[in-house]
Amino acid sequence: MAMSGSGSNNLQFSGVKVFSATMAQERDQLGEKITQWLKANPGVEIIDKIVTQSSDEAFHCLAITLFYNASAT
């Protein structure tokens, strides 16, 4: 897979992992969830990331999307 944006770089990646939360306590723990996932997947090399925040009248959502390559070992 290749990811292309407005820049000239084409990033190659083999997977995407999305972490998201809407409740305040979940948002506060999002970094810990990502750290746990990274520890559980030691063969993963993070290629790029996107942080997205959205909200409406009642909810505030935070999403962190990781683009990665998984080693074939």
PDB file of N, CA and C in Angstrom:
ATOM      1  N   MET A   1       0.837  -1.181   0.000  1.00  0.00           N
ATOM      2  CA  MET A   1       0.000   0.000   0.000  1.00  0.00           C
ATOM      3  C   MET A   1       0.874   1.234   0.000  1.00  0.00           C
ATOM      4  N   ALA A   2       0.388   2.271  -0.613  1.00  0.00           N
ATOM      5  CA  ALA A   2       1.105   3.538  -0.598  1.00  0.00           C
ATOM      6  C   ALA A   2       0.166   4.618  -0.125  1.00  0.00           C
ATOM      7  N   MET A   3       0.709   5.561   0.605  1.00  0.00           N
ATOM      8  CA  MET A   3      -0.075   6.682   1.084  1.00  0.00           C
ATOM      9  C   MET A   3       0.480   7.930   0.439  1.00  0.00           C
ATOM     10  N   SER A   4      -0.373   8.678  -0.201  1.00  0.00           N
ATOM     11  CA  SER A   4       0.101   9.923  -0.790  1.00  0.00           C
ATOM     12  C   SER A   4      -0.795  11.056  -0.324  1.00  0.00           C
ATOM     13  N   GLY A   5      -0.182  12.140   0.015  1.00  0.00           N
ATOM     14  CA  GLY A   5      -0.902  13.322   0.441  1.00  0.00           C
ATOM     15  C   GLY A   5      -0.558  14.468  -0.470  1.00  0.00           C
ATOM     16  N   SER A   6      -0.567  15.658   0.083  1.00  0.00           N
ATOM     17  CA  SER A   6      -0.261  16.836  -0.727  1.00  0.00           C
ATOM     18  C   SER A   6       1.239  16.949  -1.016  1.00  0.00           C
ATOM     19  N   GLY A   7       2.064  16.231  -0.264  1.00  0.00           N
ATOM     20  CA  GLY A   7       3.509  16.286  -0.479  1.00  0.00           C
ATOM     21  C   GLY A   7       3.940  15.316  -1.557  1.00  0.00           C
ATOM     22  N   SER A   8       5.230  15.258  -1.776  1.00  0.00           N
ATOM     23  CA  SER A   8       5.763  14.399  -2.824  1.00  0.00           C
ATOM     24  C   SER A   8       6.179  13.025  -2.302  1.00  0.00           C
ATOM     25  N   ASN A   9       6.119  12.805  -0.985  1.00  0.00           N
ATOM     26  CA  ASN A   9       6.542  11.533  -0.414  1.00  0.00           C
ATOM     27  C   ASN A   9       5.452  10.490  -0.567  1.00  0.00           C
ATOM     28  N   ASN A  10       5.832   9.315  -1.016  1.00  0.00           N
ATOM     29  CA  ASN A  10       4.938   8.168  -1.018  1.00  0.00           C
ATOM     30  C   ASN A  10       5.413   7.242   0.080  1.00  0.00           C
ATOM     31  N   LEU A  11       4.568   7.012   1.069  1.00  0.00           N
ATOM     32  CA  LEU A  11       4.934   6.156   2.185  1.00  0.00           C
ATOM     33  C   LEU A  11       4.356   4.771   1.950  1.00  0.00           C
ATOM     34  N   GLN A  12       5.183   3.761   2.100  1.00  0.00           N
ATOM     35  CA  GLN A  12       4.752   2.380   1.965  1.00  0.00           C
ATOM     36  C   GLN A  12       4.427   1.838   3.354  1.00  0.00           C
ATOM     37  N   PHE A  13       3.275   1.191   3.485  1.00  0.00           N
ATOM     38  CA  PHE A  13       2.898   0.597   4.758  1.00  0.00           C
ATOM     39  C   PHE A  13       2.093  -0.670   4.510  1.00  0.00           C
ATOM     40  N   SER A  14       2.078  -1.541   5.514  1.00  0.00           N
ATOM     41  CA  SER A  14       1.370  -2.811   5.370  1.00  0.00           C
ATOM     42  C   SER A  14       0.112  -2.880   6.222  1.00  0.00           C
ATOM     43  N   GLY A  15      -0.072  -1.942   7.138  1.00  0.00           N
ATOM     44  CA  GLY A  15      -1.252  -1.972   7.993  1.00  0.00           C
ATOM     45  C   GLY A  15      -1.594  -0.620   8.569  1.00  0.00           C
ATOM     46  N   VAL A  16      -2.823  -0.545   9.070  1.00  0.00           N
ATOM     47  CA  VAL A  16      -3.327   0.673   9.707  1.00  0.00           C
ATOM     48  C   VAL A  16      -4.020   0.262  11.003  1.00  0.00           C
ATOM     49  N   LYS A  17      -3.763   0.995  12.069  1.00  0.00           N
ATOM     50  CA  LYS A  17      -4.418   0.748  13.345  1.00  0.00           C
ATOM     51  C   LYS A  17      -4.995   2.072  13.833  1.00  0.00           C
ATOM     52  N   VAL A  18      -6.291   2.061  14.179  1.00  0.00           N
ATOM     53  CA  VAL A  18      -6.972   3.276  14.631  1.00  0.00           C
ATOM     54  C   VAL A  18      -7.341   3.115  16.102  1.00  0.00           C
ATOM     55  N   PHE A  19      -6.971   4.102  16.889  1.00  0.00           N
ATOM     56  CA  PHE A  19      -7.351   4.177  18.292  1.00  0.00           C
ATOM     57  C   PHE A  19      -8.261   5.386  18.432  1.00  0.00           C
ATOM     58  N   SER A  20      -9.429   5.217  19.046  1.00  0.00           N
ATOM     59  CA  SER A  20     -10.330   6.354  19.190  1.00  0.00           C
ATOM     60  C   SER A  20     -11.048   6.298  20.528  1.00  0.00           C
ATOM     61  N   ALA A  21     -11.482   7.469  20.982  1.00  0.00           N
ATOM     62  CA  ALA A  21     -12.192   7.564  22.251  1.00  0.00           C
ATOM     63  C   ALA A  21     -13.075   8.800  22.233  1.00  0.00           C
ATOM     64  N   THR A  22     -14.237   8.686  22.884  1.00  0.00           N
ATOM     65  CA  THR A  22     -15.145   9.831  22.979  1.00  0.00           C
ATOM     66  C   THR A  22     -15.311  10.316  24.421  1.00  0.00           C
ATOM     67  N   MET A  23     -15.174   9.442  25.384  1.00  0.00           N
ATOM     68  CA  MET A  23     -15.338   9.830  26.782  1.00  0.00           C
ATOM     69  C   MET A  23     -14.021  10.390  27.313  1.00  0.00           C
ATOM     70  N   ALA A  24     -14.121  11.344  28.246  1.00  0.00           N
ATOM     71  CA  ALA A  24     -12.929  12.030  28.768  1.00  0.00           C
ATOM     72  C   ALA A  24     -11.919  11.047  29.348  1.00  0.00           C
ATOM     73  N   GLN A  25     -12.370  10.096  30.148  1.00  0.00           N
ATOM     74  CA  GLN A  25     -11.453   9.137  30.759  1.00  0.00           C
ATOM     75  C   GLN A  25     -10.783   8.274  29.693  1.00  0.00           C
ATOM     76  N   GLU A  26     -11.533   7.865  28.664  1.00  0.00           N
ATOM     77  CA  GLU A  26     -10.958   7.076  27.574  1.00  0.00           C
ATOM     78  C   GLU A  26      -9.914   7.886  26.812  1.00  0.00           C
ATOM     79  N   ARG A  27     -10.203   9.170  26.571  1.00  0.00           N
ATOM     80  CA  ARG A  27      -9.235  10.024  25.872  1.00  0.00           C
ATOM     81  C   ARG A  27      -7.954  10.146  26.678  1.00  0.00           C
ATOM     82  N   ASP A  28      -8.090  10.267  28.000  1.00  0.00           N
ATOM     83  CA  ASP A  28      -6.920  10.379  28.863  1.00  0.00           C
ATOM     84  C   ASP A  28      -6.054   9.122  28.815  1.00  0.00           C
ATOM     85  N   GLN A  29      -6.661   7.964  28.558  1.00  0.00           N
ATOM     86  CA  GLN A  29      -5.940   6.692  28.570  1.00  0.00           C
ATOM     87  C   GLN A  29      -5.507   6.235  27.177  1.00  0.00           C
ATOM     88  N   LEU A  30      -5.779   7.034  26.163  1.00  0.00           N
ATOM     89  CA  LEU A  30      -5.490   6.625  24.791  1.00  0.00           C
ATOM     90  C   LEU A  30      -3.998   6.357  24.568  1.00  0.00           C
ATOM     91  N   GLY A  31      -3.143   7.184  25.111  1.00  0.00           N
ATOM     92  CA  GLY A  31      -1.702   6.985  24.979  1.00  0.00           C
ATOM     93  C   GLY A  31      -1.245   5.666  25.583  1.00  0.00           C
ATOM     94  N   GLU A  32      -1.823   5.301  26.722  1.00  0.00           N
ATOM     95  CA  GLU A  32      -1.484   4.027  27.361  1.00  0.00           C
ATOM     96  C   GLU A  32      -1.940   2.850  26.499  1.00  0.00           C
ATOM     97  N   LYS A  33      -3.109   2.969  25.868  1.00  0.00           N
ATOM     98  CA  LYS A  33      -3.590   1.896  24.998  1.00  0.00           C
ATOM     99  C   LYS A  33      -2.656   1.710  23.803  1.00  0.00           C
ATOM    100  N   ILE A  34      -2.170   2.819  23.257  1.00  0.00           N
ATOM    101  CA  ILE A  34      -1.246   2.740  22.127  1.00  0.00           C
ATOM    102  C   ILE A  34       0.068   2.095  22.568  1.00  0.00           C
ATOM    103  N   THR A  35       0.572   2.502  23.725  1.00  0.00           N
ATOM    104  CA  THR A  35       1.811   1.927  24.252  1.00  0.00           C
ATOM    105  C   THR A  35       1.665   0.425  24.467  1.00  0.00           C
ATOM    106  N   GLN A  36       0.539  -0.018  25.011  1.00  0.00           N
ATOM    107  CA  GLN A  36       0.295  -1.444  25.219  1.00  0.00           C
ATOM    108  C   GLN A  36       0.268  -2.190  23.888  1.00  0.00           C
ATOM    109  N   TRP A  37      -0.383  -1.614  22.885  1.00  0.00           N
ATOM    110  CA  TRP A  37      -0.459  -2.254  21.575  1.00  0.00           C
ATOM    111  C   TRP A  37       0.934  -2.366  20.956  1.00  0.00           C
ATOM    112  N   LEU A  38       1.728  -1.309  21.074  1.00  0.00           N
ATOM    113  CA  LEU A  38       3.089  -1.343  20.537  1.00  0.00           C
ATOM    114  C   LEU A  38       3.937  -2.411  21.231  1.00  0.00           C
ATOM    115  N   LYS A  39       3.800  -2.538  22.554  1.00  0.00           N
ATOM    116  CA  LYS A  39       4.542  -3.567  23.288  1.00  0.00           C
ATOM    117  C   LYS A  39       4.098  -4.962  22.881  1.00  0.00           C
ATOM    118  N   ALA A  40       2.811  -5.122  22.591  1.00  0.00           N
ATOM    119  CA  ALA A  40       2.272  -6.424  22.195  1.00  0.00           C
ATOM    120  C   ALA A  40       2.608  -6.767  20.745  1.00  0.00           C
ATOM    121  N   ASN A  41       3.070  -5.787  19.978  1.00  0.00           N
ATOM    122  CA  ASN A  41       3.408  -5.968  18.567  1.00  0.00           C
ATOM    123  C   ASN A  41       4.811  -5.434  18.297  1.00  0.00           C
ATOM    124  N   PRO A  42       5.836  -6.103  18.833  1.00  0.00           N
ATOM    125  CA  PRO A  42       7.199  -5.572  18.738  1.00  0.00           C
ATOM    126  C   PRO A  42       7.755  -5.516  17.320  1.00  0.00           C
ATOM    127  N   GLY A  43       7.169  -6.230  16.373  1.00  0.00           N
ATOM    128  CA  GLY A  43       7.665  -6.211  15.004  1.00  0.00           C
ATOM    129  C   GLY A  43       7.097  -5.094  14.157  1.00  0.00           C
ATOM    130  N   VAL A  44       6.400  -4.171  14.791  1.00  0.00           N
ATOM    131  CA  VAL A  44       5.744  -3.080  14.062  1.00  0.00           C
ATOM    132  C   VAL A  44       6.653  -1.857  13.992  1.00  0.00           C
ATOM    133  N   GLU A  45       6.787  -1.310  12.801  1.00  0.00           N
ATOM    134  CA  GLU A  45       7.521  -0.057  12.600  1.00  0.00           C
ATOM    135  C   GLU A  45       6.512   1.007  12.168  1.00  0.00           C
ATOM    136  N   ILE A  46       6.357   2.050  12.989  1.00  0.00           N
ATOM    137  CA  ILE A  46       5.407   3.122  12.677  1.00  0.00           C
ATOM    138  C   ILE A  46       5.987   3.966  11.541  1.00  0.00           C
ATOM    139  N   ILE A  47       5.207   4.119  10.483  1.00  0.00           N
ATOM    140  CA  ILE A  47       5.628   4.873   9.299  1.00  0.00           C
ATOM    141  C   ILE A  47       5.100   6.299   9.348  1.00  0.00           C
ATOM    142  N   ASP A  48       3.853   6.448   9.801  1.00  0.00           N
ATOM    143  CA  ASP A  48       3.235   7.780   9.870  1.00  0.00           C
ATOM    144  C   ASP A  48       2.083   7.724  10.861  1.00  0.00           C
ATOM    145  N   LYS A  49       1.583   8.884  11.242  1.00  0.00           N
ATOM    146  CA  LYS A  49       0.450   8.963  12.161  1.00  0.00           C
ATOM    147  C   LYS A  49      -0.398  10.172  11.812  1.00  0.00           C
ATOM    148  N   ILE A  50      -1.681  10.057  12.126  1.00  0.00           N
ATOM    149  CA  ILE A  50      -2.609  11.179  11.953  1.00  0.00           C
ATOM    150  C   ILE A  50      -3.416  11.286  13.229  1.00  0.00           C
ATOM    151  N   VAL A  51      -3.499  12.476  13.788  1.00  0.00           N
ATOM    152  CA  VAL A  51      -4.318  12.739  14.966  1.00  0.00           C
ATOM    153  C   VAL A  51      -5.512  13.566  14.505  1.00  0.00           C
ATOM    154  N   THR A  52      -6.721  13.061  14.828  1.00  0.00           N
ATOM    155  CA  THR A  52      -7.942  13.727  14.402  1.00  0.00           C
ATOM    156  C   THR A  52      -8.813  14.011  15.615  1.00  0.00           C
ATOM    157  N   GLN A  53      -9.331  15.224  15.668  1.00  0.00           N
ATOM    158  CA  GLN A  53     -10.249  15.591  16.741  1.00  0.00           C
ATOM    159  C   GLN A  53     -11.530  16.088  16.107  1.00  0.00           C
ATOM    160  N   SER A  54     -12.649  15.609  16.603  1.00  0.00           N
ATOM    161  CA  SER A  54     -13.942  16.094  16.123  1.00  0.00           C
ATOM    162  C   SER A  54     -14.887  16.203  17.299  1.00  0.00           C
ATOM    163  N   SER A  55     -15.904  17.012  17.152  1.00  0.00           N
ATOM    164  CA  SER A  55     -16.859  17.160  18.247  1.00  0.00           C
ATOM    165  C   SER A  55     -18.200  17.635  17.718  1.00  0.00           C
ATOM    166  N   ASP A  56     -19.219  17.366  18.513  1.00  0.00           N
ATOM    167  CA  ASP A  56     -20.543  17.920  18.271  1.00  0.00           C
ATOM    168  C   ASP A  56     -21.025  18.491  19.599  1.00  0.00           C
ATOM    169  N   GLU A  57     -22.316  18.684  19.756  1.00  0.00           N
ATOM    170  CA  GLU A  57     -22.830  19.298  20.985  1.00  0.00           C
ATOM    171  C   GLU A  57     -22.548  18.458  22.231  1.00  0.00           C
ATOM    172  N   ALA A  58     -22.515  17.139  22.082  1.00  0.00           N
ATOM    173  CA  ALA A  58     -22.416  16.275  23.250  1.00  0.00           C
ATOM    174  C   ALA A  58     -21.091  15.528  23.381  1.00  0.00           C
ATOM    175  N   PHE A  59     -20.416  15.247  22.277  1.00  0.00           N
ATOM    176  CA  PHE A  59     -19.244  14.382  22.326  1.00  0.00           C
ATOM    177  C   PHE A  59     -18.030  15.031  21.682  1.00  0.00           C
ATOM    178  N   HIS A  60     -16.871  14.664  22.225  1.00  0.00           N
ATOM    179  CA  HIS A  60     -15.598  15.075  21.660  1.00  0.00           C
ATOM    180  C   HIS A  60     -14.840  13.787  21.363  1.00  0.00           C
ATOM    181  N   CYS A  61     -14.497  13.581  20.124  1.00  0.00           N
ATOM    182  CA  CYS A  61     -13.825  12.342  19.727  1.00  0.00           C
ATOM    183  C   CYS A  61     -12.374  12.646  19.360  1.00  0.00           C
ATOM    184  N   LEU A  62     -11.495  11.804  19.846  1.00  0.00           N
ATOM    185  CA  LEU A  62     -10.081  11.878  19.508  1.00  0.00           C
ATOM    186  C   LEU A  62      -9.714  10.558  18.850  1.00  0.00           C
ATOM    187  N   ALA A  63      -9.107  10.629  17.690  1.00  0.00           N
ATOM    188  CA  ALA A  63      -8.661   9.424  16.993  1.00  0.00           C
ATOM    189  C   ALA A  63      -7.192   9.575  16.634  1.00  0.00           C
ATOM    190  N   ILE A  64      -6.440   8.519  16.862  1.00  0.00           N
ATOM    191  CA  ILE A  64      -5.039   8.472  16.469  1.00  0.00           C
ATOM    192  C   ILE A  64      -4.901   7.286  15.522  1.00  0.00           C
ATOM    193  N   THR A  65      -4.490   7.568  14.308  1.00  0.00           N
ATOM    194  CA  THR A  65      -4.350   6.539  13.274  1.00  0.00           C
ATOM    195  C   THR A  65      -2.874   6.312  13.019  1.00  0.00           C
ATOM    196  N   LEU A  66      -2.458   5.069  13.153  1.00  0.00           N
ATOM    197  CA  LEU A  66      -1.056   4.690  12.936  1.00  0.00           C
ATOM    198  C   LEU A  66      -0.946   3.892  11.646  1.00  0.00           C
ATOM    199  N   PHE A  67      -0.018   4.280  10.788  1.00  0.00           N
ATOM    200  CA  PHE A  67       0.315   3.543   9.568  1.00  0.00           C
ATOM    201  C   PHE A  67       1.626   2.826   9.864  1.00  0.00           C
ATOM    202  N   TYR A  68       1.660   1.540   9.612  1.00  0.00           N
ATOM    203  CA  TYR A  68       2.842   0.783  10.029  1.00  0.00           C
ATOM    204  C   TYR A  68       3.230  -0.286   9.012  1.00  0.00           C
ATOM    205  N   ASN A  69       4.457  -0.767   9.185  1.00  0.00           N
ATOM    206  CA  ASN A  69       4.961  -1.955   8.502  1.00  0.00           C
ATOM    207  C   ASN A  69       5.193  -3.005   9.572  1.00  0.00           C
ATOM    208  N   ALA A  70       4.719  -4.201   9.298  1.00  0.00           N
ATOM    209  CA  ALA A  70       4.951  -5.316  10.218  1.00  0.00           C
ATOM    210  C   ALA A  70       6.083  -6.156   9.666  1.00  0.00           C
ATOM    211  N   SER A  71       7.047  -6.481  10.510  1.00  0.00           N
ATOM    212  CA  SER A  71       8.172  -7.302  10.052  1.00  0.00           C
ATOM    213  C   SER A  71       7.689  -8.713   9.765  1.00  0.00           C
ATOM    214  N   ALA A  72       8.340  -9.358   8.840  1.00  0.00           N
ATOM    215  CA  ALA A  72       7.943 -10.704   8.424  1.00  0.00           C
ATOM    216  C   ALA A  72       8.696 -11.779   9.189  1.00  0.00           C
ATOM    217  N   THR A  73       9.168 -11.468  10.384  1.00  0.00           N
ATOM    218  CA  THR A  73       9.929 -12.465  11.157  1.00  0.00           C
ATOM    219  C   THR A  73       9.035 -13.353  11.957  1.00  0.00           C
TER     220      THR A  73
END
